[in-house]
Amino acid sequence: LLEEKGVAKEIDTTIRNPKPRTALIPDRAILKNMGFN
């Protein structure tokens, strides 16, 4: 709306692109069978 109306310049927001995150989920059954804690 601000851009369409032309009333504002140098418009910025706090919205930023998310960053990738990788979680490593242990397979507890396999760990237990292997004796690996």
Full PDB file with SEQRES, HELIX, SHEET, SSBOND, CRYST1, ORIGX, SCALE, CONECT and MASTER records, all heavy atoms in Angstrom:
SEQRES   1 A   37  LEU LEU GLU GLU LYS GLY VAL ALA LYS GLU ILE ASP THR          
SEQRES   2 A   37  THR ILE ARG ASN PRO LYS PRO ARG THR ALA LEU ILE PRO          
SEQRES   3 A   37  ASP ARG ALA ILE LEU LYS ASN MET GLY PHE ASN                  
HELIX    1 AA1 LEU A    2  LYS A    5  1                                   4    
HELIX    2 AA2 ARG A   28  MET A   34  1                                   7    
CRYST1    1.000    1.000    1.000  90.00  90.00  90.00 P 1           1          
ORIGX1      1.000000  0.000000  0.000000        0.00000                         
ORIGX2      0.000000  1.000000  0.000000        0.00000                         
ORIGX3      0.000000  0.000000  1.000000        0.00000                         
SCALE1      1.000000  0.000000  0.000000        0.00000                         
SCALE2      0.000000  1.000000  0.000000        0.00000                         
SCALE3      0.000000  0.000000  1.000000        0.00000                         
ATOM      1  N   LEU A   1       0.822  -1.208   0.000  1.00  0.00           N  
ATOM      2  CA  LEU A   1       0.000   0.000   0.000  1.00  0.00           C  
ATOM      3  C   LEU A   1       0.860   1.264   0.000  1.00  0.00           C  
ATOM      4  O   LEU A   1       0.578   2.225  -0.727  1.00  0.00           O  
ATOM      5  CB  LEU A   1      -0.932   0.022   1.214  1.00  0.00           C  
ATOM      6  CG  LEU A   1      -2.213  -0.769   1.102  1.00  0.00           C  
ATOM      7  CD1 LEU A   1      -2.925  -0.841   2.450  1.00  0.00           C  
ATOM      8  CD2 LEU A   1      -3.122  -0.146   0.062  1.00  0.00           C  
ATOM      9  N   LEU A   2       1.913   1.274   0.816  1.00  0.00           N  
ATOM     10  CA  LEU A   2       2.808   2.438   0.859  1.00  0.00           C  
ATOM     11  C   LEU A   2       3.461   2.670  -0.496  1.00  0.00           C  
ATOM     12  O   LEU A   2       3.584   3.816  -0.949  1.00  0.00           O  
ATOM     13  CB  LEU A   2       3.882   2.252   1.935  1.00  0.00           C  
ATOM     14  CG  LEU A   2       3.408   2.334   3.387  1.00  0.00           C  
ATOM     15  CD1 LEU A   2       4.522   1.895   4.326  1.00  0.00           C  
ATOM     16  CD2 LEU A   2       2.933   3.744   3.724  1.00  0.00           C  
ATOM     17  N   GLU A   3       3.857   1.589  -1.159  1.00  0.00           N  
ATOM     18  CA  GLU A   3       4.479   1.711  -2.475  1.00  0.00           C  
ATOM     19  C   GLU A   3       3.473   2.196  -3.509  1.00  0.00           C  
ATOM     20  O   GLU A   3       3.786   3.057  -4.338  1.00  0.00           O  
ATOM     21  CB  GLU A   3       5.088   0.370  -2.904  1.00  0.00           C  
ATOM     22  CG  GLU A   3       6.294  -0.022  -2.094  1.00  0.00           C  
ATOM     23  CD  GLU A   3       6.775  -1.443  -2.351  1.00  0.00           C  
ATOM     24  OE1 GLU A   3       6.014  -2.259  -2.940  1.00  0.00           O  
ATOM     25  OE2 GLU A   3       7.904  -1.736  -1.944  1.00  0.00           O  
ATOM     26  N   GLU A   4       2.245   1.667  -3.476  1.00  0.00           N  
ATOM     27  CA  GLU A   4       1.211   2.066  -4.435  1.00  0.00           C  
ATOM     28  C   GLU A   4       0.814   3.528  -4.258  1.00  0.00           C  
ATOM     29  O   GLU A   4       0.601   4.242  -5.240  1.00  0.00           O  
ATOM     30  CB  GLU A   4      -0.029   1.174  -4.287  1.00  0.00           C  
ATOM     31  CG  GLU A   4       0.156  -0.222  -4.814  1.00  0.00           C  
ATOM     32  CD  GLU A   4      -1.034  -1.123  -4.515  1.00  0.00           C  
ATOM     33  OE1 GLU A   4      -2.006  -0.668  -3.842  1.00  0.00           O  
ATOM     34  OE2 GLU A   4      -0.995  -2.292  -4.936  1.00  0.00           O  
ATOM     35  N   LYS A   5       0.687   3.986  -3.025  1.00  0.00           N  
ATOM     36  CA  LYS A   5       0.278   5.373  -2.756  1.00  0.00           C  
ATOM     37  C   LYS A   5       1.403   6.361  -3.041  1.00  0.00           C  
ATOM     38  O   LYS A   5       1.142   7.550  -3.239  1.00  0.00           O  
ATOM     39  CB  LYS A   5      -0.177   5.524  -1.293  1.00  0.00           C  
ATOM     40  CG  LYS A   5      -1.346   4.667  -0.912  1.00  0.00           C  
ATOM     41  CD  LYS A   5      -2.626   5.203  -1.450  1.00  0.00           C  
ATOM     42  CE  LYS A   5      -3.789   4.360  -0.969  1.00  0.00           C  
ATOM     43  NZ  LYS A   5      -5.011   4.675  -1.660  1.00  0.00           N  
ATOM     44  N   GLY A   6       2.647   5.893  -2.982  1.00  0.00           N  
ATOM     45  CA  GLY A   6       3.781   6.775  -3.256  1.00  0.00           C  
ATOM     46  C   GLY A   6       4.060   7.798  -2.169  1.00  0.00           C  
ATOM     47  O   GLY A   6       4.692   8.818  -2.424  1.00  0.00           O  
ATOM     48  N   VAL A   7       3.606   7.527  -0.941  1.00  0.00           N  
ATOM     49  CA  VAL A   7       3.801   8.481   0.150  1.00  0.00           C  
ATOM     50  C   VAL A   7       5.064   8.205   0.958  1.00  0.00           C  
ATOM     51  O   VAL A   7       5.463   9.026   1.781  1.00  0.00           O  
ATOM     52  CB  VAL A   7       2.578   8.507   1.098  1.00  0.00           C  
ATOM     53  CG1 VAL A   7       1.339   9.024   0.386  1.00  0.00           C  
ATOM     54  CG2 VAL A   7       2.329   7.133   1.700  1.00  0.00           C  
ATOM     55  N   ALA A   8       5.682   7.042   0.731  1.00  0.00           N  
ATOM     56  CA  ALA A   8       6.848   6.662   1.524  1.00  0.00           C  
ATOM     57  C   ALA A   8       8.021   6.296   0.617  1.00  0.00           C  
ATOM     58  O   ALA A   8       7.842   5.867  -0.517  1.00  0.00           O  
ATOM     59  CB  ALA A   8       6.505   5.490   2.430  1.00  0.00           C  
ATOM     60  N   LYS A   9       9.218   6.491   1.157  1.00  0.00           N  
ATOM     61  CA  LYS A   9      10.427   6.059   0.466  1.00  0.00           C  
ATOM     62  C   LYS A   9      11.303   5.328   1.479  1.00  0.00           C  
ATOM     63  O   LYS A   9      11.065   5.409   2.687  1.00  0.00           O  
ATOM     64  CB  LYS A   9      11.167   7.247  -0.145  1.00  0.00           C  
ATOM     65  CG  LYS A   9      11.681   8.248   0.889  1.00  0.00           C  
ATOM     66  CD  LYS A   9      12.394   9.395   0.237  1.00  0.00           C  
ATOM     67  CE  LYS A   9      12.938  10.322   1.335  1.00  0.00           C  
ATOM     68  NZ  LYS A   9      13.685  11.432   0.808  1.00  0.00           N  
ATOM     69  N   GLU A  10      12.288   4.610   0.980  1.00  0.00           N  
ATOM     70  CA  GLU A  10      13.216   3.862   1.851  1.00  0.00           C  
ATOM     71  C   GLU A  10      12.451   2.968   2.829  1.00  0.00           C  
ATOM     72  O   GLU A  10      12.723   2.948   4.025  1.00  0.00           O  
ATOM     73  CB  GLU A  10      14.152   4.825   2.578  1.00  0.00           C  
ATOM     74  CG  GLU A  10      14.987   5.662   1.633  1.00  0.00           C  
ATOM     75  CD  GLU A  10      15.562   6.922   2.257  1.00  0.00           C  
ATOM     76  OE1 GLU A  10      15.171   7.272   3.391  1.00  0.00           O  
ATOM     77  OE2 GLU A  10      16.379   7.566   1.595  1.00  0.00           O  
ATOM     78  N   ILE A  11      11.506   2.221   2.299  1.00  0.00           N  
ATOM     79  CA  ILE A  11      10.672   1.337   3.117  1.00  0.00           C  
ATOM     80  C   ILE A  11      11.467   0.084   3.471  1.00  0.00           C  
ATOM     81  O   ILE A  11      12.093  -0.530   2.619  1.00  0.00           O  
ATOM     82  CB  ILE A  11       9.385   0.937   2.368  1.00  0.00           C  
ATOM     83  CG1 ILE A  11       8.612   2.187   1.933  1.00  0.00           C  
ATOM     84  CG2 ILE A  11       8.523   0.018   3.223  1.00  0.00           C  
ATOM     85  CD1 ILE A  11       7.495   1.909   0.949  1.00  0.00           C  
ATOM     86  N   ASP A  12      11.436  -0.284   4.746  1.00  0.00           N  
ATOM     87  CA  ASP A  12      12.116  -1.492   5.205  1.00  0.00           C  
ATOM     88  C   ASP A  12      11.261  -2.143   6.286  1.00  0.00           C  
ATOM     89  O   ASP A  12      10.414  -1.488   6.902  1.00  0.00           O  
ATOM     90  CB  ASP A  12      13.503  -1.147   5.762  1.00  0.00           C  
ATOM     91  CG  ASP A  12      14.381  -2.381   5.955  1.00  0.00           C  
ATOM     92  OD1 ASP A  12      14.032  -3.466   5.438  1.00  0.00           O  
ATOM     93  OD2 ASP A  12      15.415  -2.257   6.624  1.00  0.00           O  
ATOM     94  N   THR A  13      11.477  -3.424   6.481  1.00  0.00           N  
ATOM     95  CA  THR A  13      10.772  -4.163   7.528  1.00  0.00           C  
ATOM     96  C   THR A  13      11.785  -5.032   8.281  1.00  0.00           C  
ATOM     97  O   THR A  13      12.929  -5.184   7.854  1.00  0.00           O  
ATOM     98  CB  THR A  13       9.676  -5.086   6.946  1.00  0.00           C  
ATOM     99  OG1 THR A  13      10.307  -6.154   6.242  1.00  0.00           O  
ATOM    100  CG2 THR A  13       8.739  -4.335   6.027  1.00  0.00           C  
ATOM    101  N   THR A  14      11.325  -5.623   9.361  1.00  0.00           N  
ATOM    102  CA  THR A  14      12.173  -6.560  10.096  1.00  0.00           C  
ATOM    103  C   THR A  14      12.032  -7.982   9.575  1.00  0.00           C  
ATOM    104  O   THR A  14      12.666  -8.894  10.098  1.00  0.00           O  
ATOM    105  CB  THR A  14      11.838  -6.537  11.605  1.00  0.00           C  
ATOM    106  OG1 THR A  14      10.438  -6.766  11.772  1.00  0.00           O  
ATOM    107  CG2 THR A  14      12.258  -5.231  12.242  1.00  0.00           C  
ATOM    108  N   ILE A  15      11.223  -8.180   8.539  1.00  0.00           N  
ATOM    109  CA  ILE A  15      11.068  -9.510   7.957  1.00  0.00           C  
ATOM    110  C   ILE A  15      12.333  -9.849   7.178  1.00  0.00           C  
ATOM    111  O   ILE A  15      12.766  -9.093   6.320  1.00  0.00           O  
ATOM    112  CB  ILE A  15       9.839  -9.579   7.023  1.00  0.00           C  
ATOM    113  CG1 ILE A  15       8.558  -9.337   7.814  1.00  0.00           C  
ATOM    114  CG2 ILE A  15       9.794 -10.923   6.305  1.00  0.00           C  
ATOM    115  CD1 ILE A  15       7.319  -9.238   6.953  1.00  0.00           C  
ATOM    116  N   ARG A  16      12.933 -10.969   7.503  1.00  0.00           N  
ATOM    117  CA  ARG A  16      14.132 -11.441   6.820  1.00  0.00           C  
ATOM    118  C   ARG A  16      13.894 -12.873   6.356  1.00  0.00           C  
ATOM    119  O   ARG A  16      13.103 -13.613   6.938  1.00  0.00           O  
ATOM    120  CB  ARG A  16      15.355 -11.403   7.749  1.00  0.00           C  
ATOM    121  CG  ARG A  16      15.693 -10.010   8.264  1.00  0.00           C  
ATOM    122  CD  ARG A  16      16.156  -9.099   7.122  1.00  0.00           C  
ATOM    123  NE  ARG A  16      16.499  -7.774   7.576  1.00  0.00           N  
ATOM    124  CZ  ARG A  16      15.740  -6.698   7.431  1.00  0.00           C  
ATOM    125  NH1 ARG A  16      14.554  -6.785   6.851  1.00  0.00           N  
ATOM    126  NH2 ARG A  16      16.142  -5.523   7.850  1.00  0.00           N  
ATOM    127  N   ASN A  17      14.597 -13.256   5.308  1.00  0.00           N  
ATOM    128  CA  ASN A  17      14.474 -14.623   4.813  1.00  0.00           C  
ATOM    129  C   ASN A  17      14.974 -15.601   5.872  1.00  0.00           C  
ATOM    130  O   ASN A  17      16.004 -15.358   6.500  1.00  0.00           O  
ATOM    131  CB  ASN A  17      15.283 -14.811   3.533  1.00  0.00           C  
ATOM    132  CG  ASN A  17      14.675 -14.070   2.366  1.00  0.00           C  
ATOM    133  OD1 ASN A  17      13.469 -13.865   2.314  1.00  0.00           O  
ATOM    134  ND2 ASN A  17      15.504 -13.671   1.431  1.00  0.00           N  
ATOM    135  N   PRO A  18      14.258 -16.695   6.056  1.00  0.00           N  
ATOM    136  CA  PRO A  18      14.715 -17.673   7.043  1.00  0.00           C  
ATOM    137  C   PRO A  18      15.996 -18.373   6.584  1.00  0.00           C  
ATOM    138  O   PRO A  18      16.277 -18.447   5.394  1.00  0.00           O  
ATOM    139  CB  PRO A  18      13.553 -18.666   7.139  1.00  0.00           C  
ATOM    140  CG  PRO A  18      12.779 -18.484   5.894  1.00  0.00           C  
ATOM    141  CD  PRO A  18      13.015 -17.086   5.420  1.00  0.00           C  
ATOM    142  N   LYS A  19      16.739 -18.866   7.539  1.00  0.00           N  
ATOM    143  CA  LYS A  19      17.968 -19.609   7.267  1.00  0.00           C  
ATOM    144  C   LYS A  19      17.674 -21.101   7.449  1.00  0.00           C  
ATOM    145  O   LYS A  19      16.838 -21.481   8.264  1.00  0.00           O  
ATOM    146  CB  LYS A  19      19.074 -19.187   8.238  1.00  0.00           C  
ATOM    147  CG  LYS A  19      19.411 -17.723   8.191  1.00  0.00           C  
ATOM    148  CD  LYS A  19      20.216 -17.409   6.982  1.00  0.00           C  
ATOM    149  CE  LYS A  19      20.610 -15.943   7.008  1.00  0.00           C  
ATOM    150  NZ  LYS A  19      21.265 -15.508   5.839  1.00  0.00           N  
ATOM    151  N   PRO A  20      18.372 -21.941   6.695  1.00  0.00           N  
ATOM    152  CA  PRO A  20      18.132 -23.380   6.862  1.00  0.00           C  
ATOM    153  C   PRO A  20      18.727 -23.899   8.171  1.00  0.00           C  
ATOM    154  O   PRO A  20      19.788 -23.453   8.590  1.00  0.00           O  
ATOM    155  CB  PRO A  20      18.851 -23.994   5.652  1.00  0.00           C  
ATOM    156  CG  PRO A  20      19.882 -22.994   5.276  1.00  0.00           C  
ATOM    157  CD  PRO A  20      19.332 -21.644   5.652  1.00  0.00           C  
ATOM    158  N   ARG A  21      18.017 -24.812   8.791  1.00  0.00           N  
ATOM    159  CA  ARG A  21      18.506 -25.473   9.998  1.00  0.00           C  
ATOM    160  C   ARG A  21      18.282 -26.963   9.819  1.00  0.00           C  
ATOM    161  O   ARG A  21      17.230 -27.386   9.345  1.00  0.00           O  
ATOM    162  CB  ARG A  21      17.749 -25.004  11.234  1.00  0.00           C  
ATOM    163  CG  ARG A  21      18.227 -25.740  12.496  1.00  0.00           C  
ATOM    164  CD  ARG A  21      17.415 -25.413  13.686  1.00  0.00           C  
ATOM    165  NE  ARG A  21      16.114 -26.092  13.572  1.00  0.00           N  
ATOM    166  CZ  ARG A  21      15.190 -26.069  14.506  1.00  0.00           C  
ATOM    167  NH1 ARG A  21      15.376 -25.393  15.610  1.00  0.00           N  
ATOM    168  NH2 ARG A  21      14.056 -26.695  14.340  1.00  0.00           N  
ATOM    169  N   THR A  22      19.264 -27.747  10.186  1.00  0.00           N  
ATOM    170  CA  THR A  22      19.141 -29.195  10.088  1.00  0.00           C  
ATOM    171  C   THR A  22      19.239 -29.793  11.485  1.00  0.00           C  
ATOM    172  O   THR A  22      20.204 -29.536  12.205  1.00  0.00           O  
ATOM    173  CB  THR A  22      20.239 -29.792   9.183  1.00  0.00           C  
ATOM    174  OG1 THR A  22      20.134 -29.195   7.886  1.00  0.00           O  
ATOM    175  CG2 THR A  22      20.092 -31.288   9.064  1.00  0.00           C  
ATOM    176  N   ALA A  23      18.237 -30.552  11.835  1.00  0.00           N  
ATOM    177  CA  ALA A  23      18.235 -31.267  13.114  1.00  0.00           C  
ATOM    178  C   ALA A  23      18.606 -32.720  12.844  1.00  0.00           C  
ATOM    179  O   ALA A  23      18.128 -33.319  11.868  1.00  0.00           O  
ATOM    180  CB  ALA A  23      16.859 -31.184  13.762  1.00  0.00           C  
ATOM    181  N   LEU A  24      19.469 -33.268  13.660  1.00  0.00           N  
ATOM    182  CA  LEU A  24      19.837 -34.675  13.554  1.00  0.00           C  
ATOM    183  C   LEU A  24      19.079 -35.446  14.622  1.00  0.00           C  
ATOM    184  O   LEU A  24      19.325 -35.280  15.812  1.00  0.00           O  
ATOM    185  CB  LEU A  24      21.351 -34.841  13.731  1.00  0.00           C  
ATOM    186  CG  LEU A  24      22.206 -34.102  12.706  1.00  0.00           C  
ATOM    187  CD1 LEU A  24      23.680 -34.256  13.043  1.00  0.00           C  
ATOM    188  CD2 LEU A  24      21.920 -34.602  11.306  1.00  0.00           C  
ATOM    189  N   ILE A  25      18.148 -36.277  14.179  1.00  0.00           N  
ATOM    190  CA  ILE A  25      17.291 -37.032  15.097  1.00  0.00           C  
ATOM    191  C   ILE A  25      17.857 -38.445  15.223  1.00  0.00           C  
ATOM    192  O   ILE A  25      17.899 -39.189  14.242  1.00  0.00           O  
ATOM    193  CB  ILE A  25      15.838 -37.105  14.567  1.00  0.00           C  
ATOM    194  CG1 ILE A  25      15.330 -35.739  14.123  1.00  0.00           C  
ATOM    195  CG2 ILE A  25      14.925 -37.776  15.590  1.00  0.00           C  
ATOM    196  CD1 ILE A  25      15.280 -34.699  15.195  1.00  0.00           C  
ATOM    197  N   PRO A  26      18.318 -38.819  16.430  1.00  0.00           N  
ATOM    198  CA  PRO A  26      18.895 -40.164  16.583  1.00  0.00           C  
ATOM    199  C   PRO A  26      17.827 -41.246  16.529  1.00  0.00           C  
ATOM    200  O   PRO A  26      16.708 -41.055  17.005  1.00  0.00           O  
ATOM    201  CB  PRO A  26      19.544 -40.116  17.963  1.00  0.00           C  
ATOM    202  CG  PRO A  26      18.854 -39.019  18.692  1.00  0.00           C  
ATOM    203  CD  PRO A  26      18.372 -38.041  17.661  1.00  0.00           C  
ATOM    204  N   ASP A  27      18.168 -42.374  15.919  1.00  0.00           N  
ATOM    205  CA  ASP A  27      17.297 -43.542  15.925  1.00  0.00           C  
ATOM    206  C   ASP A  27      17.685 -44.362  17.153  1.00  0.00           C  
ATOM    207  O   ASP A  27      18.648 -45.136  17.142  1.00  0.00           O  
ATOM    208  CB  ASP A  27      17.480 -44.350  14.638  1.00  0.00           C  
ATOM    209  CG  ASP A  27      16.451 -45.462  14.511  1.00  0.00           C  
ATOM    210  OD1 ASP A  27      16.056 -46.039  15.558  1.00  0.00           O  
ATOM    211  OD2 ASP A  27      16.040 -45.759  13.381  1.00  0.00           O  
ATOM    212  N   ARG A  28      16.950 -44.171  18.215  1.00  0.00           N  
ATOM    213  CA  ARG A  28      17.316 -44.751  19.506  1.00  0.00           C  
ATOM    214  C   ARG A  28      17.306 -46.285  19.494  1.00  0.00           C  
ATOM    215  O   ARG A  28      18.109 -46.925  20.179  1.00  0.00           O  
ATOM    216  CB  ARG A  28      16.395 -44.209  20.592  1.00  0.00           C  
ATOM    217  CG  ARG A  28      16.581 -42.708  20.773  1.00  0.00           C  
ATOM    218  CD  ARG A  28      15.773 -42.163  21.932  1.00  0.00           C  
ATOM    219  NE  ARG A  28      15.659 -40.718  21.934  1.00  0.00           N  
ATOM    220  CZ  ARG A  28      16.646 -39.884  22.210  1.00  0.00           C  
ATOM    221  NH1 ARG A  28      17.838 -40.335  22.487  1.00  0.00           N  
ATOM    222  NH2 ARG A  28      16.447 -38.577  22.202  1.00  0.00           N  
ATOM    223  N   ALA A  29      16.412 -46.869  18.710  1.00  0.00           N  
ATOM    224  CA  ALA A  29      16.361 -48.343  18.657  1.00  0.00           C  
ATOM    225  C   ALA A  29      17.647 -48.895  18.047  1.00  0.00           C  
ATOM    226  O   ALA A  29      18.220 -49.868  18.564  1.00  0.00           O  
ATOM    227  CB  ALA A  29      15.147 -48.792  17.853  1.00  0.00           C  
ATOM    228  N   ILE A  30      18.112 -48.292  16.965  1.00  0.00           N  
ATOM    229  CA  ILE A  30      19.353 -48.747  16.328  1.00  0.00           C  
ATOM    230  C   ILE A  30      20.527 -48.519  17.273  1.00  0.00           C  
ATOM    231  O   ILE A  30      21.393 -49.395  17.425  1.00  0.00           O  
ATOM    232  CB  ILE A  30      19.573 -48.038  14.979  1.00  0.00           C  
ATOM    233  CG1 ILE A  30      18.530 -48.515  13.966  1.00  0.00           C  
ATOM    234  CG2 ILE A  30      20.976 -48.290  14.452  1.00  0.00           C  
ATOM    235  CD1 ILE A  30      18.580 -47.787  12.644  1.00  0.00           C  
ATOM    236  N   LEU A  31      20.582 -47.354  17.912  1.00  0.00           N  
ATOM    237  CA  LEU A  31      21.664 -47.065  18.851  1.00  0.00           C  
ATOM    238  C   LEU A  31      21.708 -48.108  19.971  1.00  0.00           C  
ATOM    239  O   LEU A  31      22.777 -48.599  20.341  1.00  0.00           O  
ATOM    240  CB  LEU A  31      21.507 -45.666  19.442  1.00  0.00           C  
ATOM    241  CG  LEU A  31      21.789 -44.493  18.502  1.00  0.00           C  
ATOM    242  CD1 LEU A  31      21.430 -43.179  19.180  1.00  0.00           C  
ATOM    243  CD2 LEU A  31      23.237 -44.488  18.071  1.00  0.00           C  
ATOM    244  N   LYS A  32      20.536 -48.441  20.494  1.00  0.00           N  
ATOM    245  CA  LYS A  32      20.465 -49.412  21.593  1.00  0.00           C  
ATOM    246  C   LYS A  32      20.943 -50.786  21.130  1.00  0.00           C  
ATOM    247  O   LYS A  32      21.701 -51.466  21.836  1.00  0.00           O  
ATOM    248  CB  LYS A  32      19.035 -49.487  22.130  1.00  0.00           C  
ATOM    249  CG  LYS A  32      18.914 -50.364  23.352  1.00  0.00           C  
ATOM    250  CD  LYS A  32      17.515 -50.310  23.925  1.00  0.00           C  
ATOM    251  CE  LYS A  32      17.449 -51.190  25.158  1.00  0.00           C  
ATOM    252  NZ  LYS A  32      16.134 -51.178  25.756  1.00  0.00           N  
ATOM    253  N   ASN A  33      20.502 -51.206  19.933  1.00  0.00           N  
ATOM    254  CA  ASN A  33      20.919 -52.513  19.411  1.00  0.00           C  
ATOM    255  C   ASN A  33      22.431 -52.582  19.190  1.00  0.00           C  
ATOM    256  O   ASN A  33      23.030 -53.651  19.303  1.00  0.00           O  
ATOM    257  CB  ASN A  33      20.193 -52.833  18.104  1.00  0.00           C  
ATOM    258  CG  ASN A  33      18.742 -53.180  18.324  1.00  0.00           C  
ATOM    259  OD1 ASN A  33      18.347 -53.553  19.431  1.00  0.00           O  
ATOM    260  ND2 ASN A  33      17.938 -53.051  17.279  1.00  0.00           N  
ATOM    261  N   MET A  34      23.034 -51.457  18.857  1.00  0.00           N  
ATOM    262  CA  MET A  34      24.472 -51.436  18.609  1.00  0.00           C  
ATOM    263  C   MET A  34      25.276 -51.180  19.876  1.00  0.00           C  
ATOM    264  O   MET A  34      26.512 -51.228  19.852  1.00  0.00           O  
ATOM    265  CB  MET A  34      24.810 -50.343  17.587  1.00  0.00           C  
ATOM    266  CG  MET A  34      24.237 -50.588  16.219  1.00  0.00           C  
ATOM    267  SD  MET A  34      24.613 -49.192  15.176  1.00  0.00           S  
ATOM    268  CE  MET A  34      25.067 -50.026  13.680  1.00  0.00           C  
ATOM    269  N   GLY A  35      24.592 -50.865  20.964  1.00  0.00           N  
ATOM    270  CA  GLY A  35      25.280 -50.553  22.206  1.00  0.00           C  
ATOM    271  C   GLY A  35      25.974 -49.198  22.165  1.00  0.00           C  
ATOM    272  O   GLY A  35      26.969 -48.962  22.830  1.00  0.00           O  
ATOM    273  N   PHE A  36      25.422 -48.314  21.387  1.00  0.00           N  
ATOM    274  CA  PHE A  36      25.988 -46.984  21.185  1.00  0.00           C  
ATOM    275  C   PHE A  36      25.041 -46.002  21.857  1.00  0.00           C  
ATOM    276  O   PHE A  36      23.867 -45.911  21.489  1.00  0.00           O  
ATOM    277  CB  PHE A  36      26.064 -46.718  19.670  1.00  0.00           C  
ATOM    278  CG  PHE A  36      27.090 -45.716  19.251  1.00  0.00           C  
ATOM    279  CD1 PHE A  36      28.438 -46.026  19.282  1.00  0.00           C  
ATOM    280  CD2 PHE A  36      26.710 -44.466  18.778  1.00  0.00           C  
ATOM    281  CE1 PHE A  36      29.387 -45.115  18.875  1.00  0.00           C  
ATOM    282  CE2 PHE A  36      27.651 -43.553  18.375  1.00  0.00           C  
ATOM    283  CZ  PHE A  36      29.000 -43.873  18.413  1.00  0.00           C  
ATOM    284  N   ASN A  37      25.493 -45.243  22.867  1.00  0.00           N  
ATOM    285  CA  ASN A  37      24.560 -44.364  23.575  1.00  0.00           C  
ATOM    286  C   ASN A  37      24.504 -42.964  22.948  1.00  0.00           C  
ATOM    287  O   ASN A  37      25.365 -42.582  22.159  1.00  0.00           O  
ATOM    288  CB  ASN A  37      24.870 -44.307  25.078  1.00  0.00           C  
ATOM    289  CG  ASN A  37      26.188 -43.626  25.376  1.00  0.00           C  
ATOM    290  OD1 ASN A  37      26.586 -42.681  24.714  1.00  0.00           O  
ATOM    291  ND2 ASN A  37      26.866 -44.106  26.405  1.00  0.00           N  
TER     292      ASN A  37                                                      
MASTER        0    0    0    2    0    0    0    6  291    1    0    3          
END                                                                             
